[in-house]
Amino acid sequence: MDIATGVLMLLIGLALGAVGAWLVLRSRQQAELVGAAGADRADAAQREAELAQFRSEAAQARAEAAAAREQLAGGKAAISDARAEAANAQAEAAAVGAELAKAVAERDAARDRVERLAADRESLVLQFKALSAESLANQGKQADARADERLKATEQALKPVTETLALFQARLTAVEKERVALATDLRNQVQAVQATGEHLRRETHALATALRKPHLRGAWGELQLKRVAEVAGMVEHCDFNTQHTTSADDRAVRPDMRVAMGDGKCIFVDAKVPLAAFLDAHEADDEREHEEALNRFAGNVRTHIDQLSGKRYWQAEEGTPEFVIMFLPSESLGAQALAQAPDLHEYAAARNVVLATPTTLIATLRAVAYGWKQAALAESAADVFRLGRELHERIGTMGGHFDRLGRALDRTVAQYNSTVSSLETRVLVSARRFTELHVSDVDLATATPVETPIRRVSQTELVEDAAQVTPVIEPVEQESDTAAKSRASLPEAGELRRRDPDLFELLADQVETEGPDRQHGVG
């Protein structure tokens, strides 16, 4: 907190120094403004001097005009004196008149000049006043603008410092809030851990008490066994059955699980493991009692192996492998038993018993499940083989049908072309004479023979069964006994066979089709 206070005081000192610098700059600006005003006053004094000079020149012009007037007066006197000598002084009079005109012109010019000087003076006075006011206003505005700019620059320079101070203050506040929240959360978590530990202690004690009861211990083993089987993919009532009752040596035995392997074979699993000594080992207060309890647990496991070996589960069903799986519901059970009796696997194998923890039993059951999958795949492959053979036979039969259909179409095209030829050579020749006899003006259309050949089926798989097929449609004059028998066996063959058209039938059809047009033409 002292460091934060020191930093804050340092930043405040920097801000005060910046404000002092700004005041010094402001005083310099005012001095510059005063100097500029003095220069403006000197300029105004110079303009006043020029105006005074203009005034003196105007006074001199007025004096010259007065002298000219005096000379004019003297000239008039001389003229009046010399009027008597007018004849003799005619030339002088003319000269005097010229001088008088010149004097008048000079007087007028002097008057105009005085007026212009007066107007110039007024204009200069007005311009001076305007320039003085505008100059002072501009200088004031410029000074204010420069002062504002420098103030803004100072504020801009101090803005990061101000923002940093604000962020620092906000961060200090947030850190303090987080510290308070973390302290509260930590206190709550410690209380929750204490409550959870107490709850776990009570639950562990209750579980240990429950596992000492044989029926609850068996239920726990069966539950673990079922979970392992589900993880391995052996579904209930499909690949395994729990609590399956069978008989061996004329006595009823009930293993905890019967795993079907296919082909009528199976594997029996037993999960009834004695746990009393194992629980005593975990509740023992000193190391000696702990070791004694673990030794009793290993001895109980050996005794249970002997009991399973004596039940001879593999004799219950024919074809069953000669071993039974002894399931230890926890990995720690197997580890403690093997730690106390390292030869436990050999001891069990010699008695046709296989020790299995959840990990090893999962691998075993997955191997059995893989065998089921392979059997299902083999059965599916046999079904696919039978289906493929049946489909191949049906494709061959369908190819025969296609070949027979192509031959029938070929015969139909031949019959159609024969009919077209007969129509053109025997019917239309006579029918066109009606046009020559002016019975009808309608030209008879000419039928076009079909030249497109039928594409035959060429694949061996489709025509291997159609080689001996007799065409359904045959010309009447070439019909054989085989074709007749084929037509008799196929009722629709009589409908497909064509005969030569009759002339009168063709004419009747033509008249019926074109009757209205022909009647309209005759009428």
Protein backbone atom coordinates (compact mmCIF):
# COMPACT_ATOMS: atom_id res chain seq x y z
CA MET A 1 0.00 0.00 0.00
CA ASP A 2 3.00 2.36 0.69
CA ILE A 3 4.28 1.75 -2.84
CA ALA A 4 0.89 2.64 -4.29
CA THR A 5 0.80 5.85 -2.19
CA GLY A 6 4.30 6.78 -3.37
CA VAL A 7 3.38 6.21 -6.99
CA LEU A 8 0.21 8.27 -6.53
CA MET A 9 2.18 11.19 -4.97
CA LEU A 10 4.73 11.01 -7.79
CA LEU A 11 2.00 11.23 -10.40
CA ILE A 12 0.35 14.17 -8.56
CA GLY A 13 3.75 15.97 -8.52
CA LEU A 14 4.13 15.42 -12.25
CA ALA A 15 0.65 16.86 -12.80
CA LEU A 16 1.46 19.99 -10.69
CA GLY A 17 4.73 20.48 -12.61
CA ALA A 18 2.85 20.30 -15.90
CA VAL A 19 0.36 22.94 -14.67
CA GLY A 20 3.26 25.25 -13.59
CA ALA A 21 4.86 24.87 -17.01
CA TRP A 22 1.58 25.79 -18.62
CA LEU A 23 1.33 28.99 -16.48
CA VAL A 24 4.88 30.02 -17.48
CA LEU A 25 4.03 29.50 -21.13
CA ARG A 26 0.86 31.58 -20.64
CA SER A 27 2.86 34.50 -19.18
CA ARG A 28 5.27 34.35 -22.13
CA GLN A 29 2.34 34.47 -24.51
CA GLN A 30 0.96 37.56 -22.76
CA ALA A 31 4.38 39.26 -23.01
CA GLU A 32 4.43 38.48 -26.71
CA LEU A 33 0.95 40.00 -27.03
CA VAL A 34 2.10 43.22 -25.24
CA GLY A 35 5.10 43.47 -27.59
CA ALA A 36 2.82 43.07 -30.58
CA ALA A 37 0.54 45.85 -29.25
CA GLY A 38 3.57 48.21 -28.86
CA ALA A 39 4.55 47.52 -32.46
CA ASP A 40 1.03 48.36 -33.55
CA ARG A 41 1.18 51.66 -31.61
CA ALA A 42 4.52 52.58 -33.27
CA ASP A 43 2.95 51.92 -36.65
CA ALA A 44 0.03 54.17 -35.74
CA ALA A 45 2.46 56.96 -34.65
CA GLN A 46 4.25 56.69 -37.99
CA ARG A 47 0.95 57.06 -39.80
CA GLU A 48 0.15 60.16 -37.65
CA ALA A 49 3.52 61.66 -38.69
CA GLU A 50 2.68 61.08 -42.34
CA LEU A 51 -0.71 62.72 -41.79
CA ALA A 52 0.99 65.76 -40.17
CA GLN A 53 3.29 66.04 -43.19
CA PHE A 54 0.23 65.95 -45.45
CA ARG A 55 -1.27 68.77 -43.35
CA SER A 56 1.89 70.92 -43.65
CA GLU A 57 1.87 70.48 -47.41
CA ALA A 58 -1.77 71.57 -47.48
CA ALA A 59 -0.90 74.70 -45.42
CA GLN A 60 1.92 75.53 -47.82
CA ALA A 61 -0.49 75.17 -50.74
CA ARG A 62 -2.91 77.54 -49.02
CA ALA A 63 -0.05 80.06 -48.48
CA GLU A 64 0.87 79.88 -52.12
CA ALA A 65 -2.76 80.46 -53.03
CA ALA A 66 -2.84 83.55 -50.75
CA ALA A 67 0.32 84.86 -52.38
CA ALA A 68 -1.26 84.30 -55.76
CA ARG A 69 -4.32 86.24 -54.66
CA GLU A 70 -2.10 89.09 -53.48
CA GLN A 71 -0.30 89.09 -56.79
CA LEU A 72 -3.66 89.12 -58.55
CA ALA A 73 -4.72 92.11 -56.52
CA GLY A 74 -1.50 93.90 -57.43
CA GLY A 75 -2.08 93.01 -61.06
CA LYS A 76 -5.57 94.45 -60.95
CA ALA A 77 -4.17 97.69 -59.51
CA ALA A 78 -1.55 97.81 -62.19
CA ILE A 79 -4.23 97.20 -64.81
CA SER A 80 -6.41 99.96 -63.46
CA ASP A 81 -3.37 102.21 -63.26
CA ALA A 82 -2.36 101.23 -66.70
CA ARG A 83 -5.82 101.29 -68.17
CA ALA A 84 -4.94 104.54 -69.66
CA GLU A 85 -2.06 102.87 -71.26
CA ALA A 86 -4.23 100.01 -72.41
CA ALA A 87 -3.19 100.35 -75.92
CA ASN A 88 0.43 100.25 -75.02
CA ALA A 89 0.11 97.52 -72.35
CA GLN A 90 -2.12 95.14 -74.37
CA ALA A 91 0.55 92.58 -74.43
CA GLU A 92 1.13 92.82 -70.71
CA ALA A 93 -2.59 92.45 -70.10
CA ALA A 94 -2.67 89.29 -72.10
CA ALA A 95 0.29 87.97 -70.12
CA VAL A 96 -1.32 88.95 -66.89
CA GLY A 97 -4.56 87.20 -67.98
CA ALA A 98 -2.62 84.08 -68.73
CA GLU A 99 -0.94 84.24 -65.40
CA LEU A 100 -4.29 84.84 -63.77
CA ALA A 101 -5.76 81.77 -65.45
CA LYS A 102 -2.77 79.78 -64.36
CA ALA A 103 -3.13 81.04 -60.81
CA VAL A 104 -6.82 80.10 -60.84
CA ALA A 105 -5.94 76.64 -62.09
CA GLU A 106 -3.31 76.28 -59.41
CA ARG A 107 -5.82 77.44 -56.82
CA ASP A 108 -8.35 74.88 -57.96
CA ALA A 109 -5.70 72.22 -58.01
CA ALA A 110 -4.61 73.21 -54.49
CA ARG A 111 -8.26 73.02 -53.34
CA ASP A 112 -8.69 69.60 -54.86
CA ARG A 113 -5.49 68.47 -53.30
CA VAL A 114 -6.62 69.73 -49.90
CA GLU A 115 -9.92 67.89 -50.29
CA ARG A 116 -8.13 64.73 -51.30
CA LEU A 117 -5.77 65.06 -48.36
CA ALA A 118 -8.73 65.50 -46.03
CA ALA A 119 -10.46 62.45 -47.52
CA ASP A 120 -7.23 60.48 -47.30
CA ARG A 121 -6.86 61.56 -43.70
CA GLU A 122 -10.35 60.37 -42.83
CA SER A 123 -9.73 57.12 -44.68
CA LEU A 124 -6.41 56.64 -42.91
CA VAL A 125 -8.03 57.34 -39.57
CA LEU A 126 -10.79 54.82 -40.27
CA GLN A 127 -8.32 52.24 -41.57
CA PHE A 128 -6.11 52.75 -38.54
CA LYS A 129 -9.02 52.29 -36.20
CA ALA A 130 -10.20 49.18 -38.07
CA LEU A 131 -6.70 47.77 -38.31
CA SER A 132 -6.04 48.45 -34.64
CA ALA A 133 -9.28 46.78 -33.52
CA GLU A 134 -8.91 43.83 -35.92
CA SER A 135 -5.26 43.38 -35.06
CA LEU A 136 -6.01 43.39 -31.36
CA ALA A 137 -8.93 40.98 -31.88
CA ASN A 138 -6.89 38.65 -34.07
CA GLN A 139 -3.96 38.72 -31.73
CA GLY A 140 -6.29 38.01 -28.82
CA LYS A 141 -7.93 35.14 -30.68
CA GLN A 142 -4.56 33.75 -31.73
CA ALA A 143 -3.27 34.00 -28.20
CA ASP A 144 -6.40 32.27 -26.86
CA ALA A 145 -6.14 29.61 -29.58
CA ARG A 146 -2.47 29.00 -28.81
CA ALA A 147 -3.27 28.87 -25.12
CA ASP A 148 -6.12 26.40 -25.74
CA GLU A 149 -3.89 24.27 -27.94
CA ARG A 150 -1.16 24.21 -25.34
CA LEU A 151 -3.72 23.44 -22.64
CA LYS A 152 -5.11 20.60 -24.75
CA ALA A 153 -1.59 19.34 -25.44
CA THR A 154 -0.87 19.42 -21.72
CA GLU A 155 -4.11 17.60 -20.98
CA GLN A 156 -3.33 15.08 -23.74
CA ALA A 157 0.13 14.55 -22.29
CA LEU A 158 -1.36 14.05 -18.83
CA LYS A 159 -4.22 11.86 -20.09
CA PRO A 160 -2.20 8.57 -20.02
CA VAL A 161 -1.10 9.42 -16.50
CA THR A 162 -4.71 10.08 -15.46
CA GLU A 163 -5.94 6.92 -17.16
CA THR A 164 -3.13 4.91 -15.57
CA LEU A 165 -4.08 6.27 -12.16
CA ALA A 166 -7.74 5.40 -12.77
CA LEU A 167 -6.86 1.90 -13.98
CA PHE A 168 -4.51 1.43 -11.06
CA GLN A 169 -7.23 2.47 -8.63
CA ALA A 170 -9.79 0.21 -10.35
CA ARG A 171 -7.33 -2.69 -10.34
CA LEU A 172 -6.63 -2.17 -6.64
CA THR A 173 -10.36 -2.24 -5.95
CA ALA A 174 -10.85 -5.37 -8.10
CA VAL A 175 -7.88 -7.12 -6.46
CA GLU A 176 -9.28 -6.36 -3.06
CA LYS A 177 -12.69 -7.70 -4.07
CA GLU A 178 -11.09 -10.82 -5.55
CA ARG A 179 -9.07 -11.34 -2.38
CA VAL A 180 -12.19 -11.12 -0.25
CA ALA A 181 -14.08 -13.44 -2.64
CA LEU A 182 -11.20 -15.94 -2.72
CA ALA A 183 -10.94 -15.93 1.04
CA THR A 184 -14.68 -16.55 1.33
CA ASP A 185 -14.57 -19.26 -1.34
CA LEU A 186 -11.56 -20.92 0.29
CA ARG A 187 -13.35 -20.92 3.63
CA ASN A 188 -16.44 -22.48 2.02
CA GLN A 189 -14.34 -25.08 0.21
CA VAL A 190 -12.52 -26.03 3.40
CA GLN A 191 -15.85 -26.45 5.13
CA ALA A 192 -17.15 -28.50 2.18
CA VAL A 193 -14.03 -30.70 2.24
CA GLN A 194 -14.47 -31.25 5.94
CA ALA A 195 -18.13 -32.15 5.44
CA THR A 196 -17.26 -34.43 2.51
CA GLY A 197 -14.53 -36.16 4.50
CA GLU A 198 -16.91 -36.77 7.35
CA HIS A 199 -19.55 -38.05 4.92
CA LEU A 200 -17.01 -40.33 3.22
CA ARG A 201 -15.88 -41.65 6.59
CA ARG A 202 -19.45 -42.53 7.51
CA GLU A 203 -20.14 -44.02 4.07
CA THR A 204 -16.89 -46.02 4.13
CA HIS A 205 -17.74 -47.40 7.54
CA ALA A 206 -21.25 -48.27 6.35
CA LEU A 207 -19.84 -49.89 3.17
CA ALA A 208 -17.33 -51.93 5.14
CA THR A 209 -20.09 -53.06 7.47
CA ALA A 210 -22.32 -53.95 4.51
CA LEU A 211 -19.58 -55.87 2.68
CA ARG A 212 -19.16 -58.13 5.69
CA LYS A 213 -22.62 -59.52 4.97
CA PRO A 214 -22.45 -62.36 2.43
CA HIS A 215 -25.57 -61.45 0.44
CA LEU A 216 -24.57 -57.78 0.10
CA ARG A 217 -21.01 -58.77 -0.81
CA GLY A 218 -22.41 -61.07 -3.49
CA ALA A 219 -24.71 -58.32 -4.80
CA TRP A 220 -21.74 -55.92 -5.03
CA GLY A 221 -19.70 -58.52 -6.90
CA GLU A 222 -22.57 -59.18 -9.33
CA LEU A 223 -23.03 -55.43 -9.89
CA GLN A 224 -19.33 -54.99 -10.69
CA LEU A 225 -19.52 -58.05 -12.93
CA LYS A 226 -22.47 -56.62 -14.83
CA ARG A 227 -20.75 -53.25 -15.30
CA VAL A 228 -17.63 -54.94 -16.64
CA ALA A 229 -19.75 -57.00 -19.03
CA GLU A 230 -21.58 -53.89 -20.25
CA VAL A 231 -18.28 -52.06 -20.81
CA ALA A 232 -17.05 -55.05 -22.81
CA GLY A 233 -20.14 -54.89 -25.05
CA MET A 234 -21.88 -58.06 -23.76
CA VAL A 235 -25.55 -57.02 -23.56
CA GLU A 236 -27.93 -58.55 -21.01
CA HIS A 237 -29.91 -61.59 -22.26
CA CYS A 238 -27.85 -61.63 -25.46
CA ASP A 239 -24.25 -62.68 -24.89
CA PHE A 240 -24.30 -63.42 -21.16
CA ASN A 241 -26.73 -64.40 -18.40
CA THR A 242 -26.28 -63.61 -14.70
CA GLN A 243 -27.24 -66.05 -11.95
CA HIS A 244 -27.57 -68.92 -14.43
CA THR A 245 -28.45 -72.21 -12.70
CA THR A 246 -27.04 -75.44 -14.12
CA SER A 247 -25.96 -78.85 -12.88
CA ALA A 248 -22.61 -80.61 -12.62
CA ASP A 249 -22.06 -84.13 -11.25
CA ASP A 250 -25.81 -84.38 -10.52
CA ARG A 251 -25.77 -81.32 -8.31
CA ALA A 252 -27.12 -77.81 -8.97
CA VAL A 253 -24.55 -75.03 -9.33
CA ARG A 254 -25.25 -71.37 -9.93
CA PRO A 255 -22.38 -69.30 -11.33
CA ASP A 256 -22.63 -65.54 -11.19
CA MET A 257 -22.37 -65.20 -14.98
CA ARG A 258 -22.52 -67.49 -17.98
CA VAL A 259 -20.85 -66.05 -21.08
CA ALA A 260 -22.02 -67.57 -24.37
CA MET A 261 -19.24 -68.08 -26.92
CA GLY A 262 -21.23 -69.41 -29.87
CA ASP A 263 -21.50 -72.98 -31.18
CA GLY A 264 -23.09 -73.95 -27.85
CA LYS A 265 -19.93 -73.20 -25.86
CA CYS A 266 -19.76 -70.93 -22.82
CA ILE A 267 -17.55 -69.66 -20.00
CA PHE A 268 -18.62 -69.52 -16.33
CA VAL A 269 -17.64 -66.62 -14.06
CA ASP A 270 -17.83 -66.56 -10.25
CA ALA A 271 -17.68 -63.30 -8.24
CA LYS A 272 -18.05 -64.62 -4.66
CA VAL A 273 -14.77 -63.43 -3.12
CA PRO A 274 -14.23 -63.46 0.69
CA LEU A 275 -13.63 -59.86 1.79
CA ALA A 276 -13.76 -60.03 5.61
CA ALA A 277 -9.99 -60.35 6.07
CA PHE A 278 -9.35 -57.61 3.49
CA LEU A 279 -11.66 -55.22 5.38
CA ASP A 280 -9.98 -56.16 8.68
CA ALA A 281 -6.62 -55.24 7.15
CA HIS A 282 -7.84 -51.76 6.25
CA GLU A 283 -9.35 -51.24 9.71
CA ALA A 284 -6.26 -52.48 11.56
CA ASP A 285 -4.50 -49.92 13.76
CA ASP A 286 -0.95 -51.32 13.68
CA GLU A 287 1.19 -52.84 10.98
CA ARG A 288 1.32 -56.33 12.48
CA GLU A 289 -2.46 -56.71 12.53
CA HIS A 290 -2.57 -55.31 9.00
CA GLU A 291 -0.11 -57.92 7.70
CA GLU A 292 -1.88 -60.76 9.52
CA ALA A 293 -5.22 -59.74 8.03
CA LEU A 294 -3.73 -59.60 4.52
CA ASN A 295 -2.23 -63.07 4.99
CA ARG A 296 -5.65 -64.36 6.06
CA PHE A 297 -7.13 -62.71 2.94
CA ALA A 298 -4.63 -64.51 0.67
CA GLY A 299 -5.43 -67.79 2.44
CA ASN A 300 -9.17 -67.19 1.97
CA VAL A 301 -8.58 -66.59 -1.76
CA ARG A 302 -6.70 -69.92 -2.00
CA THR A 303 -9.55 -71.67 -0.18
CA HIS A 304 -12.10 -70.14 -2.56
CA ILE A 305 -9.99 -71.30 -5.54
CA ASP A 306 -10.12 -74.84 -4.17
CA GLN A 307 -13.88 -74.58 -3.75
CA LEU A 308 -14.39 -73.36 -7.33
CA SER A 309 -12.16 -76.13 -8.64
CA GLY A 310 -14.26 -78.69 -6.78
CA LYS A 311 -17.52 -77.42 -8.32
CA ARG A 312 -16.29 -78.30 -11.85
CA TYR A 313 -18.50 -75.80 -13.69
CA TRP A 314 -17.15 -76.91 -17.09
CA GLN A 315 -18.88 -80.29 -16.70
CA ALA A 316 -22.29 -78.59 -16.57
CA GLU A 317 -22.45 -78.08 -20.35
CA GLU A 318 -20.78 -80.03 -23.10
CA GLY A 319 -18.11 -78.19 -25.07
CA THR A 320 -17.31 -75.73 -22.26
CA PRO A 321 -13.57 -74.96 -21.76
CA GLU A 322 -12.17 -76.70 -18.68
CA PHE A 323 -11.73 -73.64 -16.50
CA VAL A 324 -13.81 -71.17 -14.50
CA ILE A 325 -13.05 -67.46 -14.07
CA MET A 326 -12.75 -66.20 -10.49
CA PHE A 327 -13.65 -62.49 -10.63
CA LEU A 328 -12.09 -60.07 -8.13
CA PRO A 329 -14.40 -57.00 -8.18
CA SER A 330 -11.55 -54.53 -7.49
CA GLU A 331 -8.02 -54.12 -8.81
CA SER A 332 -6.77 -53.59 -5.26
CA LEU A 333 -8.08 -57.00 -4.24
CA GLY A 334 -6.02 -58.71 -6.92
CA ALA A 335 -2.96 -56.60 -6.15
CA GLN A 336 -3.08 -57.37 -2.40
CA ALA A 337 -3.69 -61.08 -2.99
CA LEU A 338 -0.74 -61.32 -5.42
CA ALA A 339 1.46 -59.27 -3.07
CA GLN A 340 0.88 -61.81 -0.29
CA ALA A 341 0.94 -64.88 -2.59
CA PRO A 342 2.96 -64.22 -5.78
CA ASP A 343 2.32 -67.79 -7.01
CA LEU A 344 -1.45 -67.34 -6.85
CA HIS A 345 -1.91 -67.43 -10.64
CA GLU A 346 0.02 -70.71 -10.93
CA TYR A 347 -1.90 -72.15 -7.99
CA ALA A 348 -5.23 -71.25 -9.61
CA ALA A 349 -4.22 -72.42 -13.11
CA ALA A 350 -3.27 -75.84 -11.74
CA ARG A 351 -6.85 -76.15 -10.47
CA ASN A 352 -8.52 -74.92 -13.70
CA VAL A 353 -9.32 -71.51 -12.19
CA VAL A 354 -8.37 -68.20 -13.84
CA LEU A 355 -8.04 -65.08 -11.69
CA ALA A 356 -9.51 -61.96 -13.32
CA THR A 357 -9.74 -58.35 -12.20
CA PRO A 358 -12.05 -55.85 -13.98
CA THR A 359 -9.28 -54.95 -16.46
CA THR A 360 -8.44 -58.51 -17.49
CA LEU A 361 -12.10 -59.58 -17.54
CA ILE A 362 -12.95 -56.67 -19.87
CA ALA A 363 -10.24 -57.88 -22.28
CA THR A 364 -11.56 -61.46 -22.07
CA LEU A 365 -15.18 -60.45 -22.67
CA ARG A 366 -14.20 -58.18 -25.55
CA ALA A 367 -12.42 -61.12 -27.16
CA VAL A 368 -15.65 -63.14 -26.81
CA ALA A 369 -17.66 -60.21 -28.22
CA TYR A 370 -15.23 -60.06 -31.15
CA GLY A 371 -15.90 -63.76 -31.77
CA TRP A 372 -19.64 -63.03 -31.83
CA LYS A 373 -19.06 -60.24 -34.32
CA GLN A 374 -16.98 -62.50 -36.53
CA ALA A 375 -19.70 -65.15 -36.42
CA ALA A 376 -22.30 -62.54 -37.37
CA LEU A 377 -20.07 -61.34 -40.22
CA ALA A 378 -19.62 -64.92 -41.45
CA GLU A 379 -23.39 -65.46 -41.38
CA SER A 380 -23.91 -62.16 -43.22
CA ALA A 381 -21.28 -63.18 -45.79
CA ALA A 382 -23.13 -66.46 -46.38
CA ASP A 383 -26.39 -64.56 -46.85
CA VAL A 384 -24.68 -62.18 -49.27
CA PHE A 385 -23.27 -65.14 -51.20
CA ARG A 386 -26.70 -66.77 -51.50
CA LEU A 387 -28.32 -63.48 -52.46
CA GLY A 388 -25.62 -62.79 -55.08
CA ARG A 389 -26.01 -66.22 -56.64
CA GLU A 390 -29.79 -65.79 -56.76
CA LEU A 391 -29.44 -62.30 -58.24
CA HIS A 392 -26.99 -63.60 -60.85
CA GLU A 393 -29.47 -66.30 -61.89
CA ARG A 394 -32.29 -63.79 -62.11
CA ILE A 395 -30.16 -61.43 -64.21
CA GLY A 396 -29.51 -64.31 -66.62
CA THR A 397 -33.25 -65.03 -66.84
CA MET A 398 -33.97 -61.35 -67.46
CA GLY A 399 -31.29 -61.34 -70.19
CA GLY A 400 -33.15 -64.18 -71.91
CA HIS A 401 -36.34 -62.15 -71.78
CA PHE A 402 -34.52 -59.14 -73.28
CA ASP A 403 -33.07 -61.30 -76.05
CA ARG A 404 -36.48 -62.73 -76.90
CA LEU A 405 -37.95 -59.22 -76.89
CA GLY A 406 -35.22 -58.01 -79.28
CA ARG A 407 -35.84 -60.89 -81.66
CA ALA A 408 -39.57 -60.17 -81.56
CA LEU A 409 -38.95 -56.48 -82.31
CA ASP A 410 -36.68 -57.45 -85.19
CA ARG A 411 -39.42 -59.63 -86.65
CA THR A 412 -41.95 -56.86 -86.13
CA VAL A 413 -39.77 -54.39 -88.05
CA ALA A 414 -39.39 -56.91 -90.88
CA GLN A 415 -43.16 -57.40 -91.04
CA TYR A 416 -43.66 -53.62 -90.97
CA ASN A 417 -41.25 -53.11 -93.85
CA SER A 418 -42.99 -55.89 -95.83
CA THR A 419 -46.33 -54.19 -95.21
CA VAL A 420 -44.92 -50.83 -96.35
CA SER A 421 -43.56 -52.48 -99.51
CA SER A 422 -46.93 -54.10 -100.22
CA LEU A 423 -48.70 -50.80 -99.60
CA GLU A 424 -46.48 -48.90 -102.01
CA THR A 425 -46.43 -51.53 -104.80
CA ARG A 426 -49.94 -52.96 -104.65
CA VAL A 427 -52.23 -50.49 -102.88
CA LEU A 428 -51.06 -46.94 -103.49
CA VAL A 429 -50.56 -47.58 -107.22
CA SER A 430 -54.26 -48.31 -107.60
CA ALA A 431 -55.37 -45.71 -105.08
CA ARG A 432 -53.57 -42.87 -106.92
CA ARG A 433 -55.79 -43.52 -109.95
CA PHE A 434 -58.65 -41.93 -107.98
CA THR A 435 -56.71 -38.69 -108.21
CA GLU A 436 -56.21 -39.15 -111.95
CA LEU A 437 -59.97 -39.73 -112.30
CA HIS A 438 -60.58 -36.53 -110.29
CA VAL A 439 -62.42 -38.41 -107.56
CA SER A 440 -60.20 -36.78 -104.89
CA ASP A 441 -57.58 -34.04 -104.89
CA VAL A 442 -55.78 -35.29 -101.77
CA ASP A 443 -52.30 -36.74 -102.32
CA LEU A 444 -51.69 -40.03 -100.56
CA ALA A 445 -48.79 -40.07 -98.09
CA THR A 446 -45.97 -42.50 -98.57
CA ALA A 447 -45.00 -44.74 -95.64
CA THR A 448 -41.32 -44.78 -94.72
CA PRO A 449 -39.65 -48.12 -93.97
CA VAL A 450 -37.86 -48.52 -90.62
CA GLU A 451 -34.12 -48.73 -91.25
CA THR A 452 -32.86 -48.59 -87.64
CA PRO A 453 -31.59 -52.03 -86.58
CA ILE A 454 -32.38 -53.50 -83.21
CA ARG A 455 -29.40 -53.51 -80.81
CA ARG A 456 -28.92 -57.04 -79.61
CA VAL A 457 -27.86 -57.96 -76.07
CA SER A 458 -24.20 -58.98 -76.32
CA GLN A 459 -23.19 -59.71 -72.72
CA THR A 460 -22.65 -63.41 -72.12
CA GLU A 461 -24.24 -63.26 -68.66
CA LEU A 462 -27.50 -61.98 -70.19
CA VAL A 463 -27.77 -64.22 -73.27
CA GLU A 464 -26.26 -67.50 -72.08
CA ASP A 465 -29.78 -68.72 -71.19
CA ALA A 466 -31.39 -67.30 -74.39
CA ALA A 467 -29.45 -69.21 -77.08
CA GLN A 468 -32.20 -71.74 -77.62
CA VAL A 469 -35.11 -69.28 -77.37
CA THR A 470 -37.46 -69.44 -80.38
CA PRO A 471 -38.72 -66.03 -81.59
CA VAL A 472 -42.31 -65.33 -80.76
CA ILE A 473 -43.17 -63.49 -84.00
CA GLU A 474 -42.57 -65.35 -87.25
CA PRO A 475 -43.80 -64.70 -90.79
CA VAL A 476 -46.91 -66.66 -91.56
CA GLU A 477 -45.43 -68.34 -94.61
CA GLN A 478 -42.32 -69.44 -92.69
CA GLU A 479 -43.92 -70.52 -89.44
CA SER A 480 -42.51 -73.80 -88.20
CA ASP A 481 -43.83 -76.37 -85.81
CA THR A 482 -41.52 -75.07 -83.08
CA ALA A 483 -42.90 -71.55 -83.49
CA ALA A 484 -46.46 -72.88 -83.41
CA LYS A 485 -45.75 -74.73 -80.18
CA SER A 486 -44.10 -71.64 -78.74
CA ARG A 487 -47.10 -69.50 -79.70
CA ALA A 488 -49.42 -72.08 -78.18
CA SER A 489 -47.47 -71.94 -74.92
CA LEU A 490 -47.63 -68.11 -74.98
CA PRO A 491 -51.30 -66.97 -75.25
CA GLU A 492 -50.43 -63.44 -76.33
CA ALA A 493 -48.38 -64.67 -79.30
CA GLY A 494 -51.48 -64.74 -81.45
CA GLU A 495 -52.01 -61.06 -80.78
CA LEU A 496 -48.43 -60.20 -81.70
CA ARG A 497 -48.35 -62.09 -85.04
CA ARG A 498 -49.24 -59.87 -88.00
CA ARG A 499 -50.89 -60.87 -91.30
CA ASP A 500 -50.90 -59.23 -94.70
CA PRO A 501 -53.31 -56.26 -94.89
CA ASP A 502 -56.47 -56.52 -96.97
CA LEU A 503 -56.93 -53.92 -99.77
CA PHE A 504 -60.56 -53.28 -98.95
CA GLU A 505 -59.79 -52.81 -95.27
CA LEU A 506 -57.10 -50.26 -96.14
CA LEU A 507 -59.45 -48.38 -98.46
CA ALA A 508 -62.20 -48.42 -95.86
CA ASP A 509 -59.85 -47.05 -93.22
CA GLN A 510 -58.64 -44.37 -95.65
CA VAL A 511 -62.19 -43.34 -96.54
CA GLU A 512 -63.23 -43.28 -92.89
CA THR A 513 -60.23 -41.16 -91.95
CA GLU A 514 -60.37 -38.70 -94.86
CA GLY A 515 -64.11 -38.86 -95.61
CA PRO A 516 -65.05 -35.30 -94.57
CA ASP A 517 -62.19 -33.76 -96.58
CA ARG A 518 -62.99 -35.84 -99.67
CA GLN A 519 -66.68 -34.95 -99.53
CA HIS A 520 -65.79 -31.28 -99.19
CA GLY A 521 -63.52 -31.54 -102.25
CA VAL A 522 -66.18 -33.28 -104.38
CA GLY A 523 -68.90 -30.88 -103.40
